[in-house]
Amino acid sequence: MIEAEIIEHDNTTSEAKGIDVNILVHFQNKFVEFQSTIEKSVSYHLDFWRELLEDSPDIQKLQSLGSKLTGSLDIVADSFRKISELNPNHIKMLRIYGNFLLDIVNDELEGRKLLEK
């Protein structure tokens, strides 16, 4: 009877801890990539606005930075979509992307929606 109770206890506690480690590691890897893409995009935004604030901005440099900036926004959105499929309620991910949309992209509607979630 004691052995049966121990086995039952182990089964109930292991069911509660039924987290797939592979999915967790995959999510963490995607999360690191997500943070990296946001970092690159923010860097492109800063470089673009610094160049734009110069007394005589270089038009070709602005065009190059603008195309990199636009491409990086698409990559960030795609990365967010992929990572949110794995864990749509990860608080840190939602906070980072929501603040990115609010502060960098200036998309208040989507940014606020994510931060409220």
PDB file of N, CA and C in Angstrom:
ATOM      1  N   MET A   1       0.823  -1.188   0.000  1.00  0.00           N
ATOM      2  CA  MET A   1       0.000   0.000   0.000  1.00  0.00           C
ATOM      3  C   MET A   1       0.871   1.258   0.000  1.00  0.00           C
ATOM      4  N   ILE A   2       1.934   1.230   0.821  1.00  0.00           N
ATOM      5  CA  ILE A   2       2.822   2.396   0.885  1.00  0.00           C
ATOM      6  C   ILE A   2       3.489   2.620  -0.464  1.00  0.00           C
ATOM      7  N   GLU A   3       3.944   1.538  -1.069  1.00  0.00           N
ATOM      8  CA  GLU A   3       4.584   1.639  -2.375  1.00  0.00           C
ATOM      9  C   GLU A   3       3.613   2.203  -3.411  1.00  0.00           C
ATOM     10  N   ALA A   4       2.376   1.779  -3.371  1.00  0.00           N
ATOM     11  CA  ALA A   4       1.366   2.277  -4.307  1.00  0.00           C
ATOM     12  C   ALA A   4       1.124   3.771  -4.091  1.00  0.00           C
ATOM     13  N   GLU A   5       1.080   4.198  -2.823  1.00  0.00           N
ATOM     14  CA  GLU A   5       0.891   5.614  -2.523  1.00  0.00           C
ATOM     15  C   GLU A   5       2.072   6.446  -3.007  1.00  0.00           C
ATOM     16  N   ILE A   6       3.279   5.937  -2.833  1.00  0.00           N
ATOM     17  CA  ILE A   6       4.477   6.658  -3.295  1.00  0.00           C
ATOM     18  C   ILE A   6       4.454   6.786  -4.811  1.00  0.00           C
ATOM     19  N   ILE A   7       4.109   5.711  -5.511  1.00  0.00           N
ATOM     20  CA  ILE A   7       4.044   5.753  -6.967  1.00  0.00           C
ATOM     21  C   ILE A   7       2.964   6.732  -7.424  1.00  0.00           C
ATOM     22  N   GLU A   8       1.818   6.705  -6.764  1.00  0.00           N
ATOM     23  CA  GLU A   8       0.733   7.630  -7.115  1.00  0.00           C
ATOM     24  C   GLU A   8       1.161   9.077  -6.861  1.00  0.00           C
ATOM     25  N   HIS A   9       1.838   9.311  -5.760  1.00  0.00           N
ATOM     26  CA  HIS A   9       2.324  10.662  -5.452  1.00  0.00           C
ATOM     27  C   HIS A   9       3.320  11.132  -6.502  1.00  0.00           C
ATOM     28  N   ASP A  10       4.234  10.265  -6.889  1.00  0.00           N
ATOM     29  CA  ASP A  10       5.211  10.609  -7.922  1.00  0.00           C
ATOM     30  C   ASP A  10       4.528  10.914  -9.247  1.00  0.00           C
ATOM     31  N   ASN A  11       3.514  10.136  -9.588  1.00  0.00           N
ATOM     32  CA  ASN A  11       2.790  10.369 -10.834  1.00  0.00           C
ATOM     33  C   ASN A  11       2.049  11.697 -10.819  1.00  0.00           C
ATOM     34  N   THR A  12       1.427  12.047  -9.711  1.00  0.00           N
ATOM     35  CA  THR A  12       0.680  13.303  -9.652  1.00  0.00           C
ATOM     36  C   THR A  12       1.619  14.501  -9.656  1.00  0.00           C
ATOM     37  N   THR A  13       2.755  14.410  -8.982  1.00  0.00           N
ATOM     38  CA  THR A  13       3.688  15.538  -8.996  1.00  0.00           C
ATOM     39  C   THR A  13       4.397  15.652 -10.326  1.00  0.00           C
ATOM     40  N   SER A  14       4.648  14.539 -10.997  1.00  0.00           N
ATOM     41  CA  SER A  14       5.303  14.621 -12.298  1.00  0.00           C
ATOM     42  C   SER A  14       4.343  15.127 -13.354  1.00  0.00           C
ATOM     43  N   GLU A  15       3.042  14.863 -13.211  1.00  0.00           N
ATOM     44  CA  GLU A  15       2.059  15.396 -14.146  1.00  0.00           C
ATOM     45  C   GLU A  15       1.953  16.905 -14.002  1.00  0.00           C
ATOM     46  N   ALA A  16       2.057  17.397 -12.792  1.00  0.00           N
ATOM     47  CA  ALA A  16       2.000  18.833 -12.567  1.00  0.00           C
ATOM     48  C   ALA A  16       3.243  19.525 -13.122  1.00  0.00           C
ATOM     49  N   LYS A  17       4.324  18.801 -13.180  1.00  0.00           N
ATOM     50  CA  LYS A  17       5.562  19.364 -13.690  1.00  0.00           C
ATOM     51  C   LYS A  17       5.790  18.966 -15.139  1.00  0.00           C
ATOM     52  N   GLY A  18       4.752  18.662 -15.869  1.00  0.00           N
ATOM     53  CA  GLY A  18       4.860  18.146 -17.227  1.00  0.00           C
ATOM     54  C   GLY A  18       5.353  19.177 -18.228  1.00  0.00           C
ATOM     55  N   ILE A  19       6.468  19.797 -17.978  1.00  0.00           N
ATOM     56  CA  ILE A  19       7.051  20.786 -18.872  1.00  0.00           C
ATOM     57  C   ILE A  19       8.042  20.081 -19.786  1.00  0.00           C
ATOM     58  N   ASP A  20       7.881  20.299 -21.062  1.00  0.00           N
ATOM     59  CA  ASP A  20       8.804  19.712 -22.024  1.00  0.00           C
ATOM     60  C   ASP A  20      10.057  20.588 -22.077  1.00  0.00           C
ATOM     61  N   VAL A  21      11.170  20.028 -21.668  1.00  0.00           N
ATOM     62  CA  VAL A  21      12.420  20.776 -21.585  1.00  0.00           C
ATOM     63  C   VAL A  21      12.869  21.221 -22.978  1.00  0.00           C
ATOM     64  N   ASN A  22      12.645  20.410 -23.993  1.00  0.00           N
ATOM     65  CA  ASN A  22      13.041  20.779 -25.353  1.00  0.00           C
ATOM     66  C   ASN A  22      12.307  22.024 -25.828  1.00  0.00           C
ATOM     67  N   ILE A  23      11.021  22.107 -25.535  1.00  0.00           N
ATOM     68  CA  ILE A  23      10.244  23.291 -25.924  1.00  0.00           C
ATOM     69  C   ILE A  23      10.738  24.513 -25.158  1.00  0.00           C
ATOM     70  N   LEU A  24      11.048  24.329 -23.898  1.00  0.00           N
ATOM     71  CA  LEU A  24      11.548  25.434 -23.080  1.00  0.00           C
ATOM     72  C   LEU A  24      12.887  25.950 -23.609  1.00  0.00           C
ATOM     73  N   VAL A  25      13.794  25.061 -23.955  1.00  0.00           N
ATOM     74  CA  VAL A  25      15.104  25.457 -24.488  1.00  0.00           C
ATOM     75  C   VAL A  25      14.929  26.126 -25.852  1.00  0.00           C
ATOM     76  N   HIS A  26      14.046  25.574 -26.674  1.00  0.00           N
ATOM     77  CA  HIS A  26      13.781  26.170 -27.992  1.00  0.00           C
ATOM     78  C   HIS A  26      13.224  27.587 -27.829  1.00  0.00           C
ATOM     79  N   PHE A  27      12.303  27.767 -26.874  1.00  0.00           N
ATOM     80  CA  PHE A  27      11.749  29.089 -26.620  1.00  0.00           C
ATOM     81  C   PHE A  27      12.837  30.054 -26.164  1.00  0.00           C
ATOM     82  N   GLN A  28      13.705  29.612 -25.270  1.00  0.00           N
ATOM     83  CA  GLN A  28      14.773  30.484 -24.777  1.00  0.00           C
ATOM     84  C   GLN A  28      15.707  30.906 -25.915  1.00  0.00           C
ATOM     85  N   ASN A  29      16.029  29.971 -26.807  1.00  0.00           N
ATOM     86  CA  ASN A  29      16.879  30.310 -27.956  1.00  0.00           C
ATOM     87  C   ASN A  29      16.201  31.334 -28.853  1.00  0.00           C
ATOM     88  N   LYS A  30      14.917  31.133 -29.124  1.00  0.00           N
ATOM     89  CA  LYS A  30      14.158  32.086 -29.953  1.00  0.00           C
ATOM     90  C   LYS A  30      14.025  33.433 -29.253  1.00  0.00           C
ATOM     91  N   PHE A  31      13.920  33.415 -27.938  1.00  0.00           N
ATOM     92  CA  PHE A  31      13.802  34.658 -27.184  1.00  0.00           C
ATOM     93  C   PHE A  31      15.089  35.470 -27.270  1.00  0.00           C
ATOM     94  N   VAL A  32      16.226  34.802 -27.201  1.00  0.00           N
ATOM     95  CA  VAL A  32      17.516  35.485 -27.340  1.00  0.00           C
ATOM     96  C   VAL A  32      17.637  36.089 -28.742  1.00  0.00           C
ATOM     97  N   GLU A  33      17.220  35.338 -29.760  1.00  0.00           N
ATOM     98  CA  GLU A  33      17.233  35.861 -31.131  1.00  0.00           C
ATOM     99  C   GLU A  33      16.297  37.065 -31.248  1.00  0.00           C
ATOM    100  N   PHE A  34      15.144  36.986 -30.619  1.00  0.00           N
ATOM    101  CA  PHE A  34      14.166  38.070 -30.627  1.00  0.00           C
ATOM    102  C   PHE A  34      14.758  39.343 -30.024  1.00  0.00           C
ATOM    103  N   GLN A  35      15.423  39.197 -28.894  1.00  0.00           N
ATOM    104  CA  GLN A  35      16.049  40.351 -28.263  1.00  0.00           C
ATOM    105  C   GLN A  35      17.149  40.936 -29.141  1.00  0.00           C
ATOM    106  N   SER A  36      17.885  40.083 -29.819  1.00  0.00           N
ATOM    107  CA  SER A  36      18.951  40.538 -30.706  1.00  0.00           C
ATOM    108  C   SER A  36      18.387  41.314 -31.890  1.00  0.00           C
ATOM    109  N   THR A  37      17.287  40.848 -32.457  1.00  0.00           N
ATOM    110  CA  THR A  37      16.692  41.558 -33.594  1.00  0.00           C
ATOM    111  C   THR A  37      16.145  42.912 -33.167  1.00  0.00           C
ATOM    112  N   ILE A  38      15.596  42.984 -31.978  1.00  0.00           N
ATOM    113  CA  ILE A  38      15.116  44.275 -31.476  1.00  0.00           C
ATOM    114  C   ILE A  38      16.291  45.217 -31.250  1.00  0.00           C
ATOM    115  N   GLU A  39      17.364  44.701 -30.710  1.00  0.00           N
ATOM    116  CA  GLU A  39      18.559  45.524 -30.474  1.00  0.00           C
ATOM    117  C   GLU A  39      19.095  46.104 -31.783  1.00  0.00           C
ATOM    118  N   LYS A  40      19.160  45.279 -32.829  1.00  0.00           N
ATOM    119  CA  LYS A  40      19.627  45.759 -34.129  1.00  0.00           C
ATOM    120  C   LYS A  40      18.698  46.812 -34.695  1.00  0.00           C
ATOM    121  N   SER A  41      17.401  46.587 -34.570  1.00  0.00           N
ATOM    122  CA  SER A  41      16.433  47.544 -35.088  1.00  0.00           C
ATOM    123  C   SER A  41      16.539  48.892 -34.364  1.00  0.00           C
ATOM    124  N   VAL A  42      16.691  48.844 -33.056  1.00  0.00           N
ATOM    125  CA  VAL A  42      16.847  50.088 -32.284  1.00  0.00           C
ATOM    126  C   VAL A  42      18.114  50.810 -32.720  1.00  0.00           C
ATOM    127  N   SER A  43      19.174  50.073 -32.965  1.00  0.00           N
ATOM    128  CA  SER A  43      20.427  50.664 -33.430  1.00  0.00           C
ATOM    129  C   SER A  43      20.231  51.361 -34.782  1.00  0.00           C
ATOM    130  N   TYR A  44      19.511  50.714 -35.701  1.00  0.00           N
ATOM    131  CA  TYR A  44      19.231  51.341 -36.996  1.00  0.00           C
ATOM    132  C   TYR A  44      18.395  52.603 -36.836  1.00  0.00           C
ATOM    133  N   HIS A  45      17.429  52.570 -35.945  1.00  0.00           N
ATOM    134  CA  HIS A  45      16.613  53.759 -35.692  1.00  0.00           C
ATOM    135  C   HIS A  45      17.475  54.910 -35.170  1.00  0.00           C
ATOM    136  N   LEU A  46      18.333  54.600 -34.208  1.00  0.00           N
ATOM    137  CA  LEU A  46      19.195  55.644 -33.647  1.00  0.00           C
ATOM    138  C   LEU A  46      20.133  56.228 -34.700  1.00  0.00           C
ATOM    139  N   ASP A  47      20.746  55.361 -35.496  1.00  0.00           N
ATOM    140  CA  ASP A  47      21.647  55.836 -36.543  1.00  0.00           C
ATOM    141  C   ASP A  47      20.904  56.706 -37.559  1.00  0.00           C
ATOM    142  N   PHE A  48      19.701  56.295 -37.923  1.00  0.00           N
ATOM    143  CA  PHE A  48      18.899  57.055 -38.880  1.00  0.00           C
ATOM    144  C   PHE A  48      18.596  58.448 -38.343  1.00  0.00           C
ATOM    145  N   TRP A  49      18.123  58.517 -37.104  1.00  0.00           N
ATOM    146  CA  TRP A  49      17.759  59.822 -36.549  1.00  0.00           C
ATOM    147  C   TRP A  49      18.982  60.688 -36.250  1.00  0.00           C
ATOM    148  N   ARG A  50      20.092  60.074 -35.892  1.00  0.00           N
ATOM    149  CA  ARG A  50      21.319  60.867 -35.702  1.00  0.00           C
ATOM    150  C   ARG A  50      21.756  61.506 -37.015  1.00  0.00           C
ATOM    151  N   GLU A  51      21.705  60.721 -38.080  1.00  0.00           N
ATOM    152  CA  GLU A  51      22.078  61.247 -39.393  1.00  0.00           C
ATOM    153  C   GLU A  51      21.099  62.326 -39.828  1.00  0.00           C
ATOM    154  N   LEU A  52      19.841  62.127 -39.560  1.00  0.00           N
ATOM    155  CA  LEU A  52      18.821  63.098 -39.957  1.00  0.00           C
ATOM    156  C   LEU A  52      18.979  64.416 -39.204  1.00  0.00           C
ATOM    157  N   LEU A  53      19.503  64.357 -37.986  1.00  0.00           N
ATOM    158  CA  LEU A  53      19.680  65.568 -37.191  1.00  0.00           C
ATOM    159  C   LEU A  53      20.955  66.342 -37.527  1.00  0.00           C
ATOM    160  N   GLU A  54      21.807  65.774 -38.365  1.00  0.00           N
ATOM    161  CA  GLU A  54      23.019  66.471 -38.789  1.00  0.00           C
ATOM    162  C   GLU A  54      22.651  67.740 -39.568  1.00  0.00           C
ATOM    163  N   ASP A  55      23.599  68.706 -39.606  1.00  0.00           N
ATOM    164  CA  ASP A  55      23.358  69.941 -40.355  1.00  0.00           C
ATOM    165  C   ASP A  55      23.154  69.672 -41.845  1.00  0.00           C
ATOM    166  N   SER A  56      23.971  68.784 -42.383  1.00  0.00           N
ATOM    167  CA  SER A  56      23.790  68.398 -43.790  1.00  0.00           C
ATOM    168  C   SER A  56      23.817  66.871 -43.876  1.00  0.00           C
ATOM    169  N   PRO A  57      22.651  66.250 -43.733  1.00  0.00           N
ATOM    170  CA  PRO A  57      22.609  64.784 -43.734  1.00  0.00           C
ATOM    171  C   PRO A  57      22.950  64.208 -45.109  1.00  0.00           C
ATOM    172  N   ASP A  58      23.588  63.072 -45.094  1.00  0.00           N
ATOM    173  CA  ASP A  58      23.945  62.352 -46.310  1.00  0.00           C
ATOM    174  C   ASP A  58      22.719  61.548 -46.765  1.00  0.00           C
ATOM    175  N   ILE A  59      22.193  61.935 -47.935  1.00  0.00           N
ATOM    176  CA  ILE A  59      20.960  61.332 -48.428  1.00  0.00           C
ATOM    177  C   ILE A  59      21.139  59.840 -48.703  1.00  0.00           C
ATOM    178  N   GLN A  60      22.265  59.457 -49.272  1.00  0.00           N
ATOM    179  CA  GLN A  60      22.474  58.037 -49.570  1.00  0.00           C
ATOM    180  C   GLN A  60      22.581  57.212 -48.292  1.00  0.00           C
ATOM    181  N   LYS A  61      23.222  57.785 -47.291  1.00  0.00           N
ATOM    182  CA  LYS A  61      23.320  57.086 -46.017  1.00  0.00           C
ATOM    183  C   LYS A  61      21.933  56.954 -45.383  1.00  0.00           C
ATOM    184  N   LEU A  62      21.126  58.009 -45.484  1.00  0.00           N
ATOM    185  CA  LEU A  62      19.766  57.946 -44.960  1.00  0.00           C
ATOM    186  C   LEU A  62      18.939  56.891 -45.683  1.00  0.00           C
ATOM    187  N   GLN A  63      19.109  56.809 -47.000  1.00  0.00           N
ATOM    188  CA  GLN A  63      18.369  55.822 -47.771  1.00  0.00           C
ATOM    189  C   GLN A  63      18.789  54.401 -47.372  1.00  0.00           C
ATOM    190  N   SER A  64      20.084  54.202 -47.200  1.00  0.00           N
ATOM    191  CA  SER A  64      20.594  52.897 -46.792  1.00  0.00           C
ATOM    192  C   SER A  64      20.094  52.523 -45.405  1.00  0.00           C
ATOM    193  N   LEU A  65      20.192  53.460 -44.472  1.00  0.00           N
ATOM    194  CA  LEU A  65      19.709  53.207 -43.119  1.00  0.00           C
ATOM    195  C   LEU A  65      18.201  52.988 -43.101  1.00  0.00           C
ATOM    196  N   GLY A  66      17.475  53.725 -43.931  1.00  0.00           N
ATOM    197  CA  GLY A  66      16.022  53.569 -44.006  1.00  0.00           C
ATOM    198  C   GLY A  66      15.622  52.192 -44.501  1.00  0.00           C
ATOM    199  N   SER A  67      16.340  51.684 -45.496  1.00  0.00           N
ATOM    200  CA  SER A  67      15.999  50.344 -45.993  1.00  0.00           C
ATOM    201  C   SER A  67      16.362  49.271 -44.957  1.00  0.00           C
ATOM    202  N   LYS A  68      17.492  49.453 -44.260  1.00  0.00           N
ATOM    203  CA  LYS A  68      17.849  48.522 -43.190  1.00  0.00           C
ATOM    204  C   LYS A  68      16.815  48.573 -42.068  1.00  0.00           C
ATOM    205  N   LEU A  69      16.378  49.775 -41.746  1.00  0.00           N
ATOM    206  CA  LEU A  69      15.398  49.983 -40.692  1.00  0.00           C
ATOM    207  C   LEU A  69      14.079  49.297 -41.048  1.00  0.00           C
ATOM    208  N   THR A  70      13.615  49.476 -42.263  1.00  0.00           N
ATOM    209  CA  THR A  70      12.365  48.854 -42.701  1.00  0.00           C
ATOM    210  C   THR A  70      12.475  47.335 -42.686  1.00  0.00           C
ATOM    211  N   GLY A  71      13.590  46.824 -43.174  1.00  0.00           N
ATOM    212  CA  GLY A  71      13.806  45.375 -43.152  1.00  0.00           C
ATOM    213  C   GLY A  71      13.859  44.829 -41.740  1.00  0.00           C
ATOM    214  N   SER A  72      14.490  45.585 -40.849  1.00  0.00           N
ATOM    215  CA  SER A  72      14.599  45.117 -39.462  1.00  0.00           C
ATOM    216  C   SER A  72      13.236  45.086 -38.775  1.00  0.00           C
ATOM    217  N   LEU A  73      12.345  46.012 -39.128  1.00  0.00           N
ATOM    218  CA  LEU A  73      11.006  46.007 -38.549  1.00  0.00           C
ATOM    219  C   LEU A  73      10.245  44.748 -38.964  1.00  0.00           C
ATOM    220  N   ASP A  74      10.411  44.354 -40.224  1.00  0.00           N
ATOM    221  CA  ASP A  74       9.764  43.125 -40.701  1.00  0.00           C
ATOM    222  C   ASP A  74      10.327  41.903 -39.982  1.00  0.00           C
ATOM    223  N   ILE A  75      11.639  41.885 -39.782  1.00  0.00           N
ATOM    224  CA  ILE A  75      12.284  40.758 -39.100  1.00  0.00           C
ATOM    225  C   ILE A  75      11.826  40.680 -37.647  1.00  0.00           C
ATOM    226  N   VAL A  76      11.724  41.820 -36.978  1.00  0.00           N
ATOM    227  CA  VAL A  76      11.279  41.843 -35.576  1.00  0.00           C
ATOM    228  C   VAL A  76       9.835  41.351 -35.475  1.00  0.00           C
ATOM    229  N   ALA A  77       8.969  41.829 -36.375  1.00  0.00           N
ATOM    230  CA  ALA A  77       7.565  41.406 -36.338  1.00  0.00           C
ATOM    231  C   ALA A  77       7.445  39.904 -36.595  1.00  0.00           C
ATOM    232  N   ASP A  78       8.233  39.390 -37.538  1.00  0.00           N
ATOM    233  CA  ASP A  78       8.211  37.961 -37.833  1.00  0.00           C
ATOM    234  C   ASP A  78       8.735  37.160 -36.645  1.00  0.00           C
ATOM    235  N   SER A  79       9.797  37.660 -36.030  1.00  0.00           N
ATOM    236  CA  SER A  79      10.371  36.989 -34.865  1.00  0.00           C
ATOM    237  C   SER A  79       9.370  36.968 -33.711  1.00  0.00           C
ATOM    238  N   PHE A  80       8.664  38.076 -33.514  1.00  0.00           N
ATOM    239  CA  PHE A  80       7.648  38.128 -32.460  1.00  0.00           C
ATOM    240  C   PHE A  80       6.521  37.143 -32.747  1.00  0.00           C
ATOM    241  N   ARG A  81       6.101  37.063 -33.983  1.00  0.00           N
ATOM    242  CA  ARG A  81       5.032  36.135 -34.352  1.00  0.00           C
ATOM    243  C   ARG A  81       5.441  34.692 -34.054  1.00  0.00           C
ATOM    244  N   LYS A  82       6.685  34.340 -34.424  1.00  0.00           N
ATOM    245  CA  LYS A  82       7.161  32.975 -34.204  1.00  0.00           C
ATOM    246  C   LYS A  82       7.286  32.643 -32.718  1.00  0.00           C
ATOM    247  N   ILE A  83       7.830  33.573 -31.957  1.00  0.00           N
ATOM    248  CA  ILE A  83       8.038  33.292 -30.533  1.00  0.00           C
ATOM    249  C   ILE A  83       6.715  33.306 -29.775  1.00  0.00           C
ATOM    250  N   SER A  84       5.762  34.115 -30.214  1.00  0.00           N
ATOM    251  CA  SER A  84       4.469  34.134 -29.525  1.00  0.00           C
ATOM    252  C   SER A  84       3.654  32.878 -29.813  1.00  0.00           C
ATOM    253  N   GLU A  85       3.978  32.170 -30.897  1.00  0.00           N
ATOM    254  CA  GLU A  85       3.331  30.883 -31.142  1.00  0.00           C
ATOM    255  C   GLU A  85       3.782  29.853 -30.107  1.00  0.00           C
ATOM    256  N   LEU A  86       5.021  29.963 -29.648  1.00  0.00           N
ATOM    257  CA  LEU A  86       5.536  29.034 -28.654  1.00  0.00           C
ATOM    258  C   LEU A  86       4.989  29.327 -27.260  1.00  0.00           C
ATOM    259  N   ASN A  87       4.919  30.613 -26.900  1.00  0.00           N
ATOM    260  CA  ASN A  87       4.422  31.002 -25.586  1.00  0.00           C
ATOM    261  C   ASN A  87       3.798  32.394 -25.701  1.00  0.00           C
ATOM    262  N   PRO A  88       2.501  32.459 -25.974  1.00  0.00           N
ATOM    263  CA  PRO A  88       1.873  33.754 -26.234  1.00  0.00           C
ATOM    264  C   PRO A  88       1.729  34.660 -25.013  1.00  0.00           C
ATOM    265  N   ASN A  89       1.928  34.142 -23.815  1.00  0.00           N
ATOM    266  CA  ASN A  89       1.723  34.940 -22.610  1.00  0.00           C
ATOM    267  C   ASN A  89       2.999  35.180 -21.818  1.00  0.00           C
ATOM    268  N   HIS A  90       4.147  35.098 -22.464  1.00  0.00           N
ATOM    269  CA  HIS A  90       5.417  35.344 -21.783  1.00  0.00           C
ATOM    270  C   HIS A  90       5.503  36.843 -21.487  1.00  0.00           C
ATOM    271  N   ILE A  91       5.512  37.182 -20.209  1.00  0.00           N
ATOM    272  CA  ILE A  91       5.391  38.575 -19.790  1.00  0.00           C
ATOM    273  C   ILE A  91       6.549  39.432 -20.279  1.00  0.00           C
ATOM    274  N   LYS A  92       7.773  38.938 -20.143  1.00  0.00           N
ATOM    275  CA  LYS A  92       8.936  39.728 -20.547  1.00  0.00           C
ATOM    276  C   LYS A  92       8.924  39.986 -22.053  1.00  0.00           C
ATOM    277  N   MET A  93       8.536  38.985 -22.844  1.00  0.00           N
ATOM    278  CA  MET A  93       8.468  39.143 -24.289  1.00  0.00           C
ATOM    279  C   MET A  93       7.428  40.211 -24.663  1.00  0.00           C
ATOM    280  N   LEU A  94       6.251  40.133 -24.038  1.00  0.00           N
ATOM    281  CA  LEU A  94       5.192  41.102 -24.331  1.00  0.00           C
ATOM    282  C   LEU A  94       5.606  42.510 -23.920  1.00  0.00           C
ATOM    283  N   ARG A  95       6.275  42.616 -22.791  1.00  0.00           N
ATOM    284  CA  ARG A  95       6.719  43.923 -22.306  1.00  0.00           C
ATOM    285  C   ARG A  95       7.781  44.521 -23.238  1.00  0.00           C
ATOM    286  N   ILE A  96       8.732  43.700 -23.653  1.00  0.00           N
ATOM    287  CA  ILE A  96       9.797  44.191 -24.537  1.00  0.00           C
ATOM    288  C   ILE A  96       9.215  44.645 -25.870  1.00  0.00           C
ATOM    289  N   TYR A  97       8.389  43.809 -26.473  1.00  0.00           N
ATOM    290  CA  TYR A  97       7.835  44.151 -27.785  1.00  0.00           C
ATOM    291  C   TYR A  97       6.847  45.312 -27.676  1.00  0.00           C
ATOM    292  N   GLY A  98       6.059  45.354 -26.615  1.00  0.00           N
ATOM    293  CA  GLY A  98       5.133  46.466 -26.417  1.00  0.00           C
ATOM    294  C   GLY A  98       5.861  47.791 -26.267  1.00  0.00           C
ATOM    295  N   ASN A  99       6.915  47.800 -25.475  1.00  0.00           N
ATOM    296  CA  ASN A  99       7.709  49.031 -25.315  1.00  0.00           C
ATOM    297  C   ASN A  99       8.441  49.394 -26.608  1.00  0.00           C
ATOM    298  N   PHE A 100       8.885  48.400 -27.353  1.00  0.00           N
ATOM    299  CA  PHE A 100       9.514  48.643 -28.651  1.00  0.00           C
ATOM    300  C   PHE A 100       8.528  49.330 -29.584  1.00  0.00           C
ATOM    301  N   LEU A 101       7.294  48.830 -29.627  1.00  0.00           N
ATOM    302  CA  LEU A 101       6.281  49.443 -30.485  1.00  0.00           C
ATOM    303  C   LEU A 101       5.935  50.851 -30.029  1.00  0.00           C
ATOM    304  N   LEU A 102       5.852  51.044 -28.722  1.00  0.00           N
ATOM    305  CA  LEU A 102       5.519  52.371 -28.200  1.00  0.00           C
ATOM    306  C   LEU A 102       6.643  53.383 -28.405  1.00  0.00           C
ATOM    307  N   ASP A 103       7.832  53.022 -27.968  1.00  0.00           N
ATOM    308  CA  ASP A 103       8.927  53.984 -27.910  1.00  0.00           C
ATOM    309  C   ASP A 103       9.718  54.123 -29.208  1.00  0.00           C
ATOM    310  N   ILE A 104       9.847  53.074 -29.969  1.00  0.00           N
ATOM    311  CA  ILE A 104      10.688  53.100 -31.156  1.00  0.00           C
ATOM    312  C   ILE A 104       9.856  53.260 -32.424  1.00  0.00           C
ATOM    313  N   VAL A 105       8.855  52.416 -32.584  1.00  0.00           N
ATOM    314  CA  VAL A 105       8.053  52.424 -33.812  1.00  0.00           C
ATOM    315  C   VAL A 105       6.955  53.481 -33.738  1.00  0.00           C
ATOM    316  N   ASN A 106       6.597  53.908 -32.549  1.00  0.00           N
ATOM    317  CA  ASN A 106       5.557  54.898 -32.309  1.00  0.00           C
ATOM    318  C   ASN A 106       4.183  54.368 -32.713  1.00  0.00           C
ATOM    319  N   ASP A 107       3.944  53.100 -32.434  1.00  0.00           N
ATOM    320  CA  ASP A 107       2.652  52.466 -32.676  1.00  0.00           C
ATOM    321  C   ASP A 107       1.961  52.303 -31.329  1.00  0.00           C
ATOM    322  N   GLU A 108       1.242  53.358 -30.930  1.00  0.00           N
ATOM    323  CA  GLU A 108       0.671  53.376 -29.590  1.00  0.00           C
ATOM    324  C   GLU A 108      -0.444  52.357 -29.413  1.00  0.00           C
ATOM    325  N   LEU A 109      -1.240  52.139 -30.437  1.00  0.00           N
ATOM    326  CA  LEU A 109      -2.373  51.222 -30.314  1.00  0.00           C
ATOM    327  C   LEU A 109      -1.913  49.792 -30.034  1.00  0.00           C
ATOM    328  N   GLU A 110      -1.043  49.265 -30.863  1.00  0.00           N
ATOM    329  CA  GLU A 110      -0.554  47.895 -30.675  1.00  0.00           C
ATOM    330  C   GLU A 110       0.334  47.781 -29.438  1.00  0.00           C
ATOM    331  N   GLY A 111       1.151  48.806 -29.190  1.00  0.00           N
ATOM    332  CA  GLY A 111       2.028  48.789 -28.024  1.00  0.00           C
ATOM    333  C   GLY A 111       1.242  48.721 -26.731  1.00  0.00           C
ATOM    334  N   ARG A 112       0.228  49.548 -26.605  1.00  0.00           N
ATOM    335  CA  ARG A 112      -0.607  49.555 -25.394  1.00  0.00           C
ATOM    336  C   ARG A 112      -1.351  48.226 -25.245  1.00  0.00           C
ATOM    337  N   LYS A 113      -1.825  47.699 -26.377  1.00  0.00           N
ATOM    338  CA  LYS A 113      -2.555  46.433 -26.335  1.00  0.00           C
ATOM    339  C   LYS A 113      -1.670  45.311 -25.777  1.00  0.00           C
ATOM    340  N   LEU A 114      -0.415  45.258 -26.235  1.00  0.00           N
ATOM    341  CA  LEU A 114       0.496  44.232 -25.740  1.00  0.00           C
ATOM    342  C   LEU A 114       0.866  44.452 -24.276  1.00  0.00           C
ATOM    343  N   LEU A 115       1.078  45.687 -23.892  1.00  0.00           N
ATOM    344  CA  LEU A 115       1.439  45.969 -22.498  1.00  0.00           C
ATOM    345  C   LEU A 115       0.283  45.675 -21.551  1.00  0.00           C
ATOM    346  N   GLU A 116      -0.946  45.884 -22.012  1.00  0.00           N
ATOM    347  CA  GLU A 116      -2.100  45.567 -21.176  1.00  0.00           C
ATOM    348  C   GLU A 116      -2.298  44.066 -21.043  1.00  0.00           C
ATOM    349  N   LYS A 117      -1.924  43.336 -22.092  1.00  0.00           N
ATOM    350  CA  LYS A 117      -2.069  41.881 -22.063  1.00  0.00           C
ATOM    351  C   LYS A 117      -1.174  41.309 -20.986  1.00  0.00           C
TER     352      LYS A 117
END
